[in-house]
Amino acid sequence: MDANEVEGQAGGPREEEPGLQDRLVAPSAILEGLPDAVVVADRDARIVFVNALAEELFGYPREELLGQPVETLWPPRVRHRYTRNMELYFATEHPLRFSTSAWGLRRDGSEFMGEMTWGIVETTAGSLLLAVGRDISERRAAEARLRAVATLGERALVGADPGDLANTATELLQRLLPLSGAQIRLVDGSVLVRRGRQGETGMRFPIGTGDELLLAAERELSDEELSFVRAVANTLGAALARLRDEERTRHEAVHDPLTGLANRTLLRDRLTHALARSQRELGATAVLFVDLDNFKQVNDTYGHATGDAVLVEIARCLQSAVRPGDTIARLGGDEFVAVCEDIDADAACAVGRRLQQAIRRPFAAGGAEHRMTASIGIAIGEREPDALLAAADEAAYRAKAAGRARIELFARGD
């Protein structure tokens, strides 16, 4: 039995399957189906084909591009370089296909960054340059925003000044987002940084607790752009919180926790500087030691909470009785000190009388009215801080021993 008979017994001759040639489609159909924009140019740098995605990318209908110079799709500033590269590519005997970034120009004049793959294809009509690519402007912008957040974070971690950090942040926001203005407003209503135009109706983003980042956007921001803004706000919030923590720590280190007045450490520093200025300017510095006369009675009768309230009120009264440049400090318990620069004995005694008058004013605390008095010792000179403080303390002791509610001036011969 021959092969034909076997084939026939198996069901007759098979139909011939379609060959590869029958399955091929037109090249233009393949280019239309690619997921990227396609532009084809000839050796004369004229456009001979664009697909639908290229029409969409560049904003031109196909009929307007065909036959036009390919440089139509390039910004003027890069046309000479791109044209020269194209000529060299055509002149290369065996050009390689490669991918690179390239600038594109839309019909409306806007530019974009494209990721392009280039290659020479040989056709019956000659060599053609095939460019396949996509707009990566937004991807690059998103990457730039990520780098900006990382840079801000690194600066915040190494302790950059929050004011400088805020300036950098608003500059980056305006450079990387479509904004007409940006500002950072602190919880007390003051403006830390302001850039460009910013109205009251702008977008608001919280910074930590109480502070705000206000932006005037030229269009609605994308989700990724909003995430960038929030990341910047969070970084600023952490930096401002650190600044306030540091300021609070520095303040607590040199201030009395109850009254907020200068403590012994800050008092000595202020007194040292005051004496140095007095020596240079041939003046005198006065130290007034204020010792409350009847404070123990307040504590014993009304309790320590009322006693603390009395001390806070006394501190406020003392501050109101001295000059703006003078220092009021609390040494502890019911002892206060005033430091007054550029003053003589008569003026120092006048300050002491004002302090006594301020303390005598009746005030309410702990549900009762209180009338306080103080014994005040005054020392004047250019001597060492500790010696001047000791002299004022001794004078206050004499005032209290002499009947209280008195002022004693320490004399050098004492």
Foldseek 3Di string as FASTA:
>chain_A
DDPQVVCVVVPHDDDDDDDPVVVDDDPLVVQQPDPWWKWKADLVQATQDTHPRVCVVQVHDGVVRHRHHVCVFAPPVCSVVVNVVSNVQVVDPAHDKDWDWGWTAHPVGDIFIKIWIWDWDQDPVGIMIMITIHTCRVVVLLVVLVVLLVVLLVCLVVQHQLLVSQVSLQVCLVVSAQFQWKWKAAQVRDTSDIDGDFDPPFDWDAQAPRIIIGTHHPDDDDPSSVVSVNSSSPSSSVSVVVVVVVVVVVQPVQADPLQSFGEPVVVQVVVVVLLVVCVVVVAKKKKKKKAWQCLVVCCVPQNVQQSSVLQNQLSVLLVVLDDPPKGWYAHDDRIIMIMDHRDDDVVVVVSVVSSQVSQQDWDDTNRDIDGIAIQMFMEMDSDRSVVNVVQRVVQSVVRVVVPGSYYGYRDPVD
